[in-house]
Amino acid sequence: MYLSRSEIKQLDLLKKKSPIDRFLLMAQLIEGQIEAMRAGIKYQNPNLDEKGLKQCFRERMLKIYAMEEKGKYK
């Protein structure tokens, strides 16, 4: 697999961070992905209330995990 210079630099920077810092960074990235997904759902369904947004988000997450189990993301 080919890595670009910026990817190599990012990996080098990550290696220098403590395990706690890497974990916190991962948590921030996941939180950002969740917020982006929720914003996308809200954009597609502007009249959705909070309960509907949670239900739609849950359904999408279940669909993503089902796809992963079937090997579509491996």
C-alpha atoms as a PDB file:
ATOM      1  CA  MET A   1       0.000   0.000   0.000  1.00  0.00           C
ATOM      2  CA  TYR A   2       1.290   3.449  -0.942  1.00  0.00           C
ATOM      3  CA  LEU A   3       1.193   6.231   1.626  1.00  0.00           C
ATOM      4  CA  SER A   4       1.519   9.877   0.698  1.00  0.00           C
ATOM      5  CA  ARG A   5       4.027  12.121   2.429  1.00  0.00           C
ATOM      6  CA  SER A   6       1.284  13.775   4.451  1.00  0.00           C
ATOM      7  CA  GLU A   7      -0.042  10.376   5.580  1.00  0.00           C
ATOM      8  CA  ILE A   8       3.439   9.305   6.635  1.00  0.00           C
ATOM      9  CA  LYS A   9       3.868  12.572   8.540  1.00  0.00           C
ATOM     10  CA  GLN A  10       0.495  12.084  10.249  1.00  0.00           C
ATOM     11  CA  LEU A  11       1.467   8.550  11.295  1.00  0.00           C
ATOM     12  CA  ASP A  12       4.783   9.799  12.663  1.00  0.00           C
ATOM     13  CA  LEU A  13       2.961  12.467  14.688  1.00  0.00           C
ATOM     14  CA  LEU A  14       0.498   9.882  16.029  1.00  0.00           C
ATOM     15  CA  LYS A  15       3.326   7.573  17.086  1.00  0.00           C
ATOM     16  CA  LYS A  16       4.726  10.376  19.242  1.00  0.00           C
ATOM     17  CA  LYS A  17       1.442  10.837  21.115  1.00  0.00           C
ATOM     18  CA  SER A  18       0.659   8.944  24.298  1.00  0.00           C
ATOM     19  CA  PRO A  19      -1.963   6.175  24.201  1.00  0.00           C
ATOM     20  CA  ILE A  20      -4.370   8.440  26.101  1.00  0.00           C
ATOM     21  CA  ASP A  21      -3.905  11.238  23.557  1.00  0.00           C
ATOM     22  CA  ARG A  22      -4.479   8.816  20.671  1.00  0.00           C
ATOM     23  CA  PHE A  23      -7.619   7.503  22.356  1.00  0.00           C
ATOM     24  CA  LEU A  24      -8.943  11.045  22.911  1.00  0.00           C
ATOM     25  CA  LEU A  25      -8.231  11.912  19.277  1.00  0.00           C
ATOM     26  CA  MET A  26     -10.114   8.805  18.156  1.00  0.00           C
ATOM     27  CA  ALA A  27     -13.061   9.742  20.375  1.00  0.00           C
ATOM     28  CA  GLN A  28     -13.123  13.253  18.893  1.00  0.00           C
ATOM     29  CA  LEU A  29     -13.063  11.872  15.360  1.00  0.00           C
ATOM     30  CA  ILE A  30     -15.931   9.491  16.104  1.00  0.00           C
ATOM     31  CA  GLU A  31     -17.930  12.299  17.717  1.00  0.00           C
ATOM     32  CA  GLY A  32     -17.359  14.417  14.618  1.00  0.00           C
ATOM     33  CA  GLN A  33     -18.549  11.603  12.358  1.00  0.00           C
ATOM     34  CA  ILE A  34     -21.682  11.136  14.445  1.00  0.00           C
ATOM     35  CA  GLU A  35     -22.456  14.854  14.344  1.00  0.00           C
ATOM     36  CA  ALA A  36     -21.902  14.924  10.564  1.00  0.00           C
ATOM     37  CA  MET A  37     -24.249  11.974  10.115  1.00  0.00           C
ATOM     38  CA  ARG A  38     -26.913  13.597  12.289  1.00  0.00           C
ATOM     39  CA  ALA A  39     -26.551  16.868  10.355  1.00  0.00           C
ATOM     40  CA  GLY A  40     -26.949  14.977   7.079  1.00  0.00           C
ATOM     41  CA  ILE A  41     -30.100  13.252   8.303  1.00  0.00           C
ATOM     42  CA  LYS A  42     -31.497  16.578   9.509  1.00  0.00           C
ATOM     43  CA  TYR A  43     -30.653  18.205   6.163  1.00  0.00           C
ATOM     44  CA  GLN A  44     -32.459  15.438   4.265  1.00  0.00           C
ATOM     45  CA  ASN A  45     -35.419  15.545   6.668  1.00  0.00           C
ATOM     46  CA  PRO A  46     -35.791  19.157   7.874  1.00  0.00           C
ATOM     47  CA  ASN A  47     -39.131  18.508   9.611  1.00  0.00           C
ATOM     48  CA  LEU A  48     -37.779  15.646  11.722  1.00  0.00           C
ATOM     49  CA  ASP A  49     -38.060  16.113  15.485  1.00  0.00           C
ATOM     50  CA  GLU A  50     -35.405  14.891  17.939  1.00  0.00           C
ATOM     51  CA  LYS A  51     -37.150  11.546  18.473  1.00  0.00           C
ATOM     52  CA  GLY A  52     -37.374  10.957  14.718  1.00  0.00           C
ATOM     53  CA  LEU A  53     -33.759  11.998  14.260  1.00  0.00           C
ATOM     54  CA  LYS A  54     -32.633   9.481  16.895  1.00  0.00           C
ATOM     55  CA  GLN A  55     -34.698   6.726  15.258  1.00  0.00           C
ATOM     56  CA  CYS A  56     -33.349   7.490  11.786  1.00  0.00           C
ATOM     57  CA  PHE A  57     -29.786   7.635  13.123  1.00  0.00           C
ATOM     58  CA  ARG A  58     -30.251   4.301  14.882  1.00  0.00           C
ATOM     59  CA  GLU A  59     -31.618   2.684  11.711  1.00  0.00           C
ATOM     60  CA  ARG A  60     -28.674   3.941   9.664  1.00  0.00           C
ATOM     61  CA  MET A  61     -26.162   2.681  12.199  1.00  0.00           C
ATOM     62  CA  LEU A  62     -27.812  -0.745  12.235  1.00  0.00           C
ATOM     63  CA  LYS A  63     -27.716  -0.804   8.438  1.00  0.00           C
ATOM     64  CA  ILE A  64     -24.018   0.115   8.414  1.00  0.00           C
ATOM     65  CA  TYR A  65     -23.167  -2.626  10.917  1.00  0.00           C
ATOM     66  CA  ALA A  66     -25.265  -5.149   8.979  1.00  0.00           C
ATOM     67  CA  MET A  67     -23.308  -4.277   5.812  1.00  0.00           C
ATOM     68  CA  GLU A  68     -20.050  -4.727   7.696  1.00  0.00           C
ATOM     69  CA  GLU A  69     -21.098  -8.155   8.935  1.00  0.00           C
ATOM     70  CA  LYS A  70     -21.907  -9.200   5.357  1.00  0.00           C
ATOM     71  CA  GLY A  71     -18.389  -8.228   4.336  1.00  0.00           C
ATOM     72  CA  LYS A  72     -19.175  -5.144   2.263  1.00  0.00           C
ATOM     73  CA  TYR A  73     -16.679  -3.000   4.182  1.00  0.00           C
ATOM     74  CA  LYS A  74     -13.866  -5.497   4.554  1.00  0.00           C
END
